[in-house]
C-alpha atoms as a PDB file:
ATOM      1  CA  MET A   1      13.922  -5.338 -31.765  1.00  0.00           C
ATOM      2  CA  PRO A   2      10.179  -4.496 -32.003  1.00  0.00           C
ATOM      3  CA  MET A   3       8.984  -3.269 -28.600  1.00  0.00           C
ATOM      4  CA  ILE A   4       6.078  -0.906 -29.404  1.00  0.00           C
ATOM      5  CA  GLN A   5       3.349  -3.542 -29.093  1.00  0.00           C
ATOM      6  CA  MET A   6       4.713  -4.819 -25.784  1.00  0.00           C
ATOM      7  CA  LYS A   7       4.910  -1.301 -24.329  1.00  0.00           C
ATOM      8  CA  LYS A   8       1.335  -0.480 -25.331  1.00  0.00           C
ATOM      9  CA  LEU A   9       0.010  -3.668 -23.749  1.00  0.00           C
ATOM     10  CA  PHE A  10       1.997  -3.097 -20.592  1.00  0.00           C
ATOM     11  CA  LEU A  11       0.928   0.506 -20.183  1.00  0.00           C
ATOM     12  CA  ALA A  12      -2.723  -0.387 -20.723  1.00  0.00           C
ATOM     13  CA  ALA A  13      -2.514  -3.104 -18.093  1.00  0.00           C
ATOM     14  CA  VAL A  14      -0.873  -1.047 -15.353  1.00  0.00           C
ATOM     15  CA  SER A  15      -1.779   2.565 -16.061  1.00  0.00           C
ATOM     16  CA  ALA A  16      -3.682   2.717 -12.777  1.00  0.00           C
ATOM     17  CA  ALA A  17      -0.889   1.116 -10.750  1.00  0.00           C
ATOM     18  CA  ALA A  18       1.912   3.020  -9.016  1.00  0.00           C
ATOM     19  CA  LEU A  19       5.314   2.228 -10.546  1.00  0.00           C
ATOM     20  CA  SER A  20       7.208   2.756  -7.297  1.00  0.00           C
ATOM     21  CA  ALA A  21       7.384  -0.924  -6.386  1.00  0.00           C
ATOM     22  CA  CYS A  22       7.539  -2.190  -2.813  1.00  0.00           C
ATOM     23  CA  SER A  23      10.900  -3.613  -1.853  1.00  0.00           C
ATOM     24  CA  ASP A  24      11.016  -7.279  -2.660  1.00  0.00           C
ATOM     25  CA  THR A  25      13.346  -9.762  -1.022  1.00  0.00           C
ATOM     26  CA  GLN A  26      13.437 -12.118  -3.969  1.00  0.00           C
ATOM     27  CA  ASP A  27      16.265 -11.960  -6.511  1.00  0.00           C
ATOM     28  CA  THR A  28      14.693 -10.587  -9.670  1.00  0.00           C
ATOM     29  CA  SER A  29      17.914 -11.016 -11.649  1.00  0.00           C
ATOM     30  CA  ALA A  30      17.685 -14.744 -11.076  1.00  0.00           C
ATOM     31  CA  ALA A  31      14.098 -14.672 -12.365  1.00  0.00           C
ATOM     32  CA  ALA A  32      15.211 -12.871 -15.508  1.00  0.00           C
ATOM     33  CA  SER A  33      18.037 -15.326 -16.069  1.00  0.00           C
ATOM     34  CA  GLY A  34      15.428 -18.097 -16.034  1.00  0.00           C
ATOM     35  CA  SER A  35      14.231 -16.649 -19.339  1.00  0.00           C
ATOM     36  CA  GLU A  36      17.808 -16.384 -20.652  1.00  0.00           C
ATOM     37  CA  GLY A  37      17.846 -12.670 -19.903  1.00  0.00           C
ATOM     38  CA  SER A  38      14.732 -11.961 -21.978  1.00  0.00           C
ATOM     39  CA  ALA A  39      14.908  -8.439 -23.379  1.00  0.00           C
ATOM     40  CA  VAL A  40      11.155  -8.085 -22.858  1.00  0.00           C
ATOM     41  CA  LEU A  41      11.447  -8.810 -19.132  1.00  0.00           C
ATOM     42  CA  GLN A  42      14.373  -6.422 -18.860  1.00  0.00           C
ATOM     43  CA  ALA A  43      12.295  -3.733 -20.585  1.00  0.00           C
ATOM     44  CA  LEU A  44       9.476  -4.277 -18.090  1.00  0.00           C
ATOM     45  CA  GLU A  45      11.890  -4.000 -15.179  1.00  0.00           C
ATOM     46  CA  ARG A  46      13.226  -0.706 -16.570  1.00  0.00           C
ATOM     47  CA  GLN A  47       9.630   0.579 -16.463  1.00  0.00           C
ATOM     48  CA  GLY A  48       9.362  -0.211 -12.756  1.00  0.00           C
ATOM     49  CA  VAL A  49       8.025  -3.763 -12.826  1.00  0.00           C
ATOM     50  CA  THR A  50       9.365  -6.334 -10.367  1.00  0.00           C
ATOM     51  CA  VAL A  51       9.683  -9.873 -11.751  1.00  0.00           C
ATOM     52  CA  HIS A  52       9.197 -12.383  -8.941  1.00  0.00           C
ATOM     53  CA  GLY A  53       9.789 -15.643 -10.802  1.00  0.00           C
ATOM     54  CA  PRO A  54       8.360 -18.195 -13.229  1.00  0.00           C
ATOM     55  CA  LEU A  55       4.587 -18.638 -13.166  1.00  0.00           C
ATOM     56  CA  GLU A  56       3.178 -22.110 -13.781  1.00  0.00           C
ATOM     57  CA  VAL A  57       0.205 -21.946 -16.143  1.00  0.00           C
ATOM     58  CA  PRO A  58      -1.434 -24.453 -18.507  1.00  0.00           C
ATOM     59  CA  GLY A  59      -1.189 -24.325 -22.277  1.00  0.00           C
ATOM     60  CA  GLY A  60       2.588 -24.465 -22.562  1.00  0.00           C
ATOM     61  CA  LEU A  61       3.010 -20.708 -22.158  1.00  0.00           C
ATOM     62  CA  ASN A  62       6.204 -19.196 -20.798  1.00  0.00           C
ATOM     63  CA  ALA A  63       4.901 -16.998 -17.979  1.00  0.00           C
ATOM     64  CA  TYR A  64       6.250 -14.906 -15.117  1.00  0.00           C
ATOM     65  CA  ALA A  65       4.744 -13.553 -11.920  1.00  0.00           C
ATOM     66  CA  ALA A  66       5.398  -9.829 -11.608  1.00  0.00           C
ATOM     67  CA  SER A  67       4.125  -6.696  -9.912  1.00  0.00           C
ATOM     68  CA  ALA A  68       3.861  -2.983 -10.607  1.00  0.00           C
ATOM     69  CA  GLY A  69       3.546  -1.164  -7.314  1.00  0.00           C
ATOM     70  CA  THR A  70       0.903  -3.102  -5.406  1.00  0.00           C
ATOM     71  CA  GLN A  71      -0.641  -4.597  -8.560  1.00  0.00           C
ATOM     72  CA  PRO A  72       0.181  -8.278  -9.297  1.00  0.00           C
ATOM     73  CA  LEU A  73       0.732  -9.052 -12.976  1.00  0.00           C
ATOM     74  CA  ALA A  74       0.988 -12.180 -15.101  1.00  0.00           C
ATOM     75  CA  VAL A  75       3.480 -11.682 -17.947  1.00  0.00           C
ATOM     76  CA  TYR A  76       3.337 -14.077 -20.889  1.00  0.00           C
ATOM     77  CA  ILE A  77       6.396 -14.250 -23.154  1.00  0.00           C
ATOM     78  CA  MET A  78       5.800 -15.034 -26.815  1.00  0.00           C
ATOM     79  CA  PRO A  79       7.778 -17.939 -28.383  1.00  0.00           C
ATOM     80  CA  ASP A  80      10.207 -15.602 -30.186  1.00  0.00           C
ATOM     81  CA  GLU A  81      10.750 -13.683 -26.888  1.00  0.00           C
ATOM     82  CA  ASP A  82      10.383 -10.382 -28.744  1.00  0.00           C
ATOM     83  CA  TYR A  83       6.915  -9.690 -27.333  1.00  0.00           C
ATOM     84  CA  ALA A  84       5.048 -10.004 -24.055  1.00  0.00           C
ATOM     85  CA  LEU A  85       1.403  -9.968 -23.067  1.00  0.00           C
ATOM     86  CA  VAL A  86       0.366  -8.624 -19.666  1.00  0.00           C
ATOM     87  CA  GLY A  87      -3.104  -9.763 -18.698  1.00  0.00           C
ATOM     88  CA  THR A  88      -5.442 -12.517 -17.540  1.00  0.00           C
ATOM     89  CA  LEU A  89      -5.354 -16.083 -18.859  1.00  0.00           C
ATOM     90  CA  LEU A  90      -8.824 -17.664 -19.009  1.00  0.00           C
ATOM     91  CA  ASP A  91      -9.862 -21.290 -19.420  1.00  0.00           C
ATOM     92  CA  SER A  92     -12.772 -22.523 -21.555  1.00  0.00           C
ATOM     93  CA  GLU A  93     -15.224 -21.683 -18.742  1.00  0.00           C
ATOM     94  CA  GLY A  94     -13.956 -18.134 -18.308  1.00  0.00           C
ATOM     95  CA  ASN A  95     -12.005 -18.799 -15.112  1.00  0.00           C
ATOM     96  CA  ALA A  96      -8.757 -16.927 -14.437  1.00  0.00           C
ATOM     97  CA  VAL A  97      -6.270 -19.785 -14.190  1.00  0.00           C
ATOM     98  CA  ALA A  98      -3.212 -17.917 -12.842  1.00  0.00           C
ATOM     99  CA  GLN A  99      -4.808 -16.103  -9.905  1.00  0.00           C
ATOM    100  CA  GLU A 100      -3.986 -18.705  -7.260  1.00  0.00           C
ATOM    101  CA  GLU A 101      -0.325 -18.828  -8.303  1.00  0.00           C
ATOM    102  CA  LEU A 102      -0.140 -15.018  -8.434  1.00  0.00           C
ATOM    103  CA  GLU A 103      -1.556 -14.877  -4.912  1.00  0.00           C
ATOM    104  CA  LYS A 104       1.070 -17.330  -3.672  1.00  0.00           C
ATOM    105  CA  LEU A 105       4.045 -15.820  -5.497  1.00  0.00           C
ATOM    106  CA  VAL A 106       3.187 -12.122  -5.430  1.00  0.00           C
ATOM    107  CA  SER A 107       0.200 -10.914  -3.403  1.00  0.00           C
ATOM    108  CA  ALA A 108       0.802 -12.895  -0.202  1.00  0.00           C
ATOM    109  CA  PRO A 109       4.550 -12.113   0.123  1.00  0.00           C
ATOM    110  CA  MET A 110       3.993  -8.456  -0.750  1.00  0.00           C
ATOM    111  CA  GLY A 111       1.164  -8.207   1.769  1.00  0.00           C
ATOM    112  CA  GLN A 112       3.284  -9.765   4.510  1.00  0.00           C
ATOM    113  CA  GLU A 113       6.188  -7.451   3.780  1.00  0.00           C
ATOM    114  CA  ALA A 114       3.930  -4.394   3.700  1.00  0.00           C
ATOM    115  CA  TRP A 115       2.341  -5.339   7.041  1.00  0.00           C
ATOM    116  CA  GLN A 116       5.759  -5.773   8.622  1.00  0.00           C
ATOM    117  CA  SER A 117       6.766  -2.342   7.308  1.00  0.00           C
ATOM    118  CA  LEU A 118       3.664  -0.830   8.894  1.00  0.00           C
ATOM    119  CA  GLU A 119       4.323  -2.570  12.204  1.00  0.00           C
ATOM    120  CA  SER A 120       7.917  -1.344  12.346  1.00  0.00           C
ATOM    121  CA  ALA A 121       7.062   2.237  11.326  1.00  0.00           C
ATOM    122  CA  ARG A 122       6.586   4.989  13.897  1.00  0.00           C
ATOM    123  CA  TRP A 123       2.868   5.505  14.494  1.00  0.00           C
ATOM    124  CA  VAL A 124       0.566   7.144  17.029  1.00  0.00           C
ATOM    125  CA  PRO A 125      -1.805   4.693  18.766  1.00  0.00           C
ATOM    126  CA  ASP A 126      -5.506   5.355  19.197  1.00  0.00           C
ATOM    127  CA  GLY A 127      -7.284   2.769  21.310  1.00  0.00           C
ATOM    128  CA  ASP A 128      -6.546  -0.403  23.226  1.00  0.00           C
ATOM    129  CA  ALA A 129      -3.222  -2.082  22.386  1.00  0.00           C
ATOM    130  CA  GLU A 130      -4.932  -5.434  23.039  1.00  0.00           C
ATOM    131  CA  ALA A 131      -7.724  -4.795  20.518  1.00  0.00           C
ATOM    132  CA  GLU A 132      -8.593  -7.767  18.325  1.00  0.00           C
ATOM    133  CA  ARG A 133      -8.182  -5.743  15.112  1.00  0.00           C
ATOM    134  CA  ILE A 134      -5.388  -3.368  14.140  1.00  0.00           C
ATOM    135  CA  VAL A 135      -6.078  -0.715  11.506  1.00  0.00           C
ATOM    136  CA  TYR A 136      -3.291   1.453  10.084  1.00  0.00           C
ATOM    137  CA  THR A 137      -4.034   4.834   8.579  1.00  0.00           C
ATOM    138  CA  PHE A 138      -1.856   7.530   7.024  1.00  0.00           C
ATOM    139  CA  THR A 139      -2.894  10.796   8.648  1.00  0.00           C
ATOM    140  CA  ASP A 140      -2.234  14.476   7.919  1.00  0.00           C
ATOM    141  CA  ALA A 141      -2.913  16.845  10.805  1.00  0.00           C
ATOM    142  CA  ASN A 142      -4.807  19.194   8.452  1.00  0.00           C
ATOM    143  CA  CYS A 143      -6.850  16.523   6.665  1.00  0.00           C
ATOM    144  CA  PRO A 144     -10.626  16.914   7.177  1.00  0.00           C
ATOM    145  CA  PHE A 145     -11.240  13.334   6.037  1.00  0.00           C
ATOM    146  CA  CYS A 146      -8.732  12.028   8.610  1.00  0.00           C
ATOM    147  CA  ASN A 147     -10.751  13.966  11.153  1.00  0.00           C
ATOM    148  CA  GLU A 148     -13.919  12.281   9.872  1.00  0.00           C
ATOM    149  CA  LEU A 149     -12.267   8.859  10.109  1.00  0.00           C
ATOM    150  CA  TRP A 150     -11.278   9.483  13.732  1.00  0.00           C
ATOM    151  CA  HIS A 151     -14.859  10.343  14.677  1.00  0.00           C
ATOM    152  CA  SER A 152     -16.358   7.460  12.652  1.00  0.00           C
ATOM    153  CA  ALA A 153     -14.069   4.986  14.397  1.00  0.00           C
ATOM    154  CA  ARG A 154     -15.124   5.971  17.939  1.00  0.00           C
ATOM    155  CA  PRO A 155     -17.650   3.136  18.456  1.00  0.00           C
ATOM    156  CA  TRP A 156     -14.993   0.522  17.595  1.00  0.00           C
ATOM    157  CA  ILE A 157     -12.262   2.288  19.576  1.00  0.00           C
ATOM    158  CA  GLU A 158     -14.412   2.807  22.665  1.00  0.00           C
ATOM    159  CA  SER A 159     -15.612  -0.806  22.588  1.00  0.00           C
ATOM    160  CA  GLY A 160     -11.991  -1.967  22.630  1.00  0.00           C
ATOM    161  CA  LYS A 161     -12.381  -3.880  19.368  1.00  0.00           C
ATOM    162  CA  VAL A 162     -10.063  -1.759  17.210  1.00  0.00           C
ATOM    163  CA  GLN A 163      -6.815   0.087  17.640  1.00  0.00           C
ATOM    164  CA  LEU A 164      -6.132   2.748  15.023  1.00  0.00           C
ATOM    165  CA  ARG A 165      -2.459   3.348  14.332  1.00  0.00           C
ATOM    166  CA  HIS A 166      -1.837   6.742  12.753  1.00  0.00           C
ATOM    167  CA  LEU A 167       1.223   7.081  10.552  1.00  0.00           C
ATOM    168  CA  MET A 168       1.674  10.848  10.481  1.00  0.00           C
ATOM    169  CA  VAL A 169       2.584  12.531   7.191  1.00  0.00           C
ATOM    170  CA  GLY A 170       2.844  16.171   6.189  1.00  0.00           C
ATOM    171  CA  VAL A 171       1.474  16.469   2.665  1.00  0.00           C
ATOM    172  CA  ILE A 172      -1.488  18.873   2.577  1.00  0.00           C
ATOM    173  CA  ARG A 173      -0.278  22.301   3.717  1.00  0.00           C
ATOM    174  CA  ALA A 174       2.958  24.017   4.626  1.00  0.00           C
ATOM    175  CA  ASP A 175       2.238  23.628   8.350  1.00  0.00           C
ATOM    176  CA  SER A 176       1.224  19.942   8.074  1.00  0.00           C
ATOM    177  CA  ALA A 177       4.737  18.692   8.854  1.00  0.00           C
ATOM    178  CA  PRO A 178       5.275  21.053  11.855  1.00  0.00           C
ATOM    179  CA  LYS A 179       1.874  20.023  13.233  1.00  0.00           C
ATOM    180  CA  ALA A 180       2.652  16.337  12.740  1.00  0.00           C
ATOM    181  CA  ALA A 181       5.992  16.875  14.489  1.00  0.00           C
ATOM    182  CA  ALA A 182       4.187  18.529  17.408  1.00  0.00           C
ATOM    183  CA  ILE A 183       2.066  15.398  17.771  1.00  0.00           C
ATOM    184  CA  LEU A 184       5.007  13.004  17.413  1.00  0.00           C
ATOM    185  CA  GLU A 185       7.184  14.891  19.907  1.00  0.00           C
ATOM    186  CA  ALA A 186       4.469  15.494  22.492  1.00  0.00           C
ATOM    187  CA  GLU A 187       4.820  13.846  25.886  1.00  0.00           C
ATOM    188  CA  ASP A 188       1.600  11.954  25.083  1.00  0.00           C
ATOM    189  CA  PRO A 189       1.270  11.689  21.263  1.00  0.00           C
ATOM    190  CA  GLU A 190      -2.158  10.034  21.476  1.00  0.00           C
ATOM    191  CA  ALA A 191      -3.490  12.906  23.585  1.00  0.00           C
ATOM    192  CA  ALA A 192      -1.891  15.416  21.220  1.00  0.00           C
ATOM    193  CA  LEU A 193      -3.535  13.737  18.221  1.00  0.00           C
ATOM    194  CA  THR A 194      -6.888  13.775  19.994  1.00  0.00           C
ATOM    195  CA  TYR A 195      -6.472  17.463  20.814  1.00  0.00           C
ATOM    196  CA  ASN A 196      -5.691  18.244  17.184  1.00  0.00           C
ATOM    197  CA  ILE A 197      -8.776  16.337  16.013  1.00  0.00           C
ATOM    198  CA  GLN A 198     -11.167  17.829  18.541  1.00  0.00           C
ATOM    199  CA  ASN A 199      -9.936  21.388  18.009  1.00  0.00           C
ATOM    200  CA  ARG A 200      -9.718  21.330  14.229  1.00  0.00           C
ATOM    201  CA  GLU A 201     -12.177  24.202  13.748  1.00  0.00           C
ATOM    202  CA  SER A 202      -9.944  26.504  15.790  1.00  0.00           C
ATOM    203  CA  GLY A 203      -6.746  25.432  14.045  1.00  0.00           C
ATOM    204  CA  GLY A 204      -5.812  22.311  15.975  1.00  0.00           C
ATOM    205  CA  ILE A 205      -2.424  21.790  17.545  1.00  0.00           C
ATOM    206  CA  ASP A 206       0.153  24.562  17.281  1.00  0.00           C
ATOM    207  CA  PRO A 207       2.872  23.721  14.749  1.00  0.00           C
ATOM    208  CA  LEU A 208       6.451  23.557  15.976  1.00  0.00           C
ATOM    209  CA  ASP A 209       8.783  26.375  14.985  1.00  0.00           C
ATOM    210  CA  SER A 210      11.237  23.784  13.663  1.00  0.00           C
ATOM    211  CA  VAL A 211      11.003  20.064  12.931  1.00  0.00           C
ATOM    212  CA  SER A 212      13.678  17.863  14.484  1.00  0.00           C
ATOM    213  CA  PRO A 213      15.754  15.564  12.249  1.00  0.00           C
ATOM    214  CA  GLU A 214      14.135  12.543  13.937  1.00  0.00           C
ATOM    215  CA  ALA A 215      10.584  13.774  13.302  1.00  0.00           C
ATOM    216  CA  SER A 216      11.497  14.793   9.758  1.00  0.00           C
ATOM    217  CA  ALA A 217      12.879  11.320   9.065  1.00  0.00           C
ATOM    218  CA  THR A 218       9.682   9.758  10.435  1.00  0.00           C
ATOM    219  CA  LEU A 219       7.504  11.916   8.197  1.00  0.00           C
ATOM    220  CA  ASP A 220       9.654  11.167   5.146  1.00  0.00           C
ATOM    221  CA  ASN A 221       9.616   7.416   5.849  1.00  0.00           C
ATOM    222  CA  ASN A 222       5.857   7.394   6.376  1.00  0.00           C
ATOM    223  CA  ALA A 223       5.268   9.370   3.177  1.00  0.00           C
ATOM    224  CA  GLU A 224       7.427   6.945   1.203  1.00  0.00           C
ATOM    225  CA  LEU A 225       5.583   3.965   2.684  1.00  0.00           C
ATOM    226  CA  MET A 226       2.272   5.626   1.809  1.00  0.00           C
ATOM    227  CA  ARG A 227       3.360   5.969  -1.815  1.00  0.00           C
ATOM    228  CA  GLU A 228       4.665   2.403  -1.942  1.00  0.00           C
ATOM    229  CA  LEU A 229       1.284   1.154  -0.787  1.00  0.00           C
ATOM    230  CA  GLY A 230      -0.396   3.027  -3.617  1.00  0.00           C
ATOM    231  CA  PHE A 231      -1.984   5.942  -1.734  1.00  0.00           C
ATOM    232  CA  GLY A 232      -1.952   9.406  -3.251  1.00  0.00           C
ATOM    233  CA  GLY A 233      -3.501  11.178  -0.258  1.00  0.00           C
ATOM    234  CA  THR A 234      -4.901  10.840   3.246  1.00  0.00           C
ATOM    235  CA  PRO A 235      -6.400   8.957   4.876  1.00  0.00           C
ATOM    236  CA  GLY A 236      -4.969   5.779   3.420  1.00  0.00           C
ATOM    237  CA  ILE A 237      -6.217   2.807   5.421  1.00  0.00           C
ATOM    238  CA  VAL A 238      -4.671  -0.664   5.616  1.00  0.00           C
ATOM    239  CA  VAL A 239      -6.093  -3.656   7.484  1.00  0.00           C
ATOM    240  CA  ARG A 240      -5.829  -7.426   7.285  1.00  0.00           C
ATOM    241  CA  GLY A 241      -8.863  -9.186   5.830  1.00  0.00           C
ATOM    242  CA  ASP A 242     -10.372 -12.301   7.368  1.00  0.00           C
ATOM    243  CA  ASP A 243      -8.206 -14.425   5.073  1.00  0.00           C
ATOM    244  CA  GLY A 244      -5.038 -12.579   6.119  1.00  0.00           C
ATOM    245  CA  SER A 245      -4.741 -10.620   2.883  1.00  0.00           C
ATOM    246  CA  LEU A 246      -4.054  -6.896   2.911  1.00  0.00           C
ATOM    247  CA  VAL A 247      -7.078  -4.644   2.403  1.00  0.00           C
ATOM    248  CA  ARG A 248      -6.476  -1.040   1.334  1.00  0.00           C
ATOM    249  CA  HIS A 249      -8.982   1.808   1.333  1.00  0.00           C
ATOM    250  CA  SER A 250      -8.463   5.407   0.201  1.00  0.00           C
ATOM    251  CA  GLY A 251     -10.447   8.172   1.845  1.00  0.00           C
ATOM    252  CA  ALA A 252     -12.828   8.275   4.796  1.00  0.00           C
ATOM    253  CA  PRO A 253     -14.946   5.090   4.901  1.00  0.00           C
ATOM    254  CA  ARG A 254     -18.679   5.492   5.290  1.00  0.00           C
ATOM    255  CA  GLY A 255     -21.715   3.291   5.725  1.00  0.00           C
ATOM    256  CA  SER A 256     -21.145  -0.440   5.328  1.00  0.00           C
ATOM    257  CA  THR A 257     -17.479   0.128   4.435  1.00  0.00           C
ATOM    258  CA  LEU A 258     -16.795   1.008   8.073  1.00  0.00           C
ATOM    259  CA  GLU A 259     -17.868  -2.459   9.202  1.00  0.00           C
ATOM    260  CA  GLU A 260     -15.950  -4.075   6.345  1.00  0.00           C
ATOM    261  CA  LEU A 261     -12.744  -2.431   7.583  1.00  0.00           C
ATOM    262  CA  PHE A 262     -13.318  -2.395  11.364  1.00  0.00           C
ATOM    263  CA  GLY A 263     -15.368  -5.561  11.766  1.00  0.00           C
ATOM    264  CA  PRO A 264     -18.771  -5.998  13.450  1.00  0.00           C
ATOM    265  CA  LEU A 265     -19.560  -4.025  16.590  1.00  0.00           C
END
């Protein structure tokens, strides 16, 4: 069965997306069976794509809502079911006609699930628990840009408008995990994180001689969640937008981006 064209189109469409897909609660096998077990859909799933279900679009096309990592995709099956197109369907005025359905079937459920995963993860608080905006960030104890983020966030933290929740990971240096464990296992993790930030130039917090199984599991879980959300390094920032959608930002935000993520002061 000819698959080369389909694979080229798929790879071009999602080359920038992580193929480690977030866990999805929907039954993808049922979605595939809706296309009589289409070999094209099965091939996409073998490449890491999650098929969420049929996608209603005009023009009589057989379409499916899918995702690769955090990237929503519209998959259009050709009449002979030997080929698929992954891309954007436009109307005569140049409008993307499947975006609203993709948001409903893919982006919104994935965003809700990701936010719940962040909430249930083990994180270190920074700021008022009653703050009107919660911002999650993946943090390495040796990361200079995480340090920059902490300092940039002070006006929002000190005003009580934002709580930063640091999901500690150990990905930069050999002592990143032992330092993260020292923060997690401190009597006051928030104070330990602050100490590490404020004393970065002199080495920060002392790493533990050994990392406990509990702290190691936390670091592994946080690192996996970071990858699932599409971040390749720290800081990786996640916040809810005004419309409830998930907003992701890689690296230390600067200038107007700070207000976009943290809200007005």
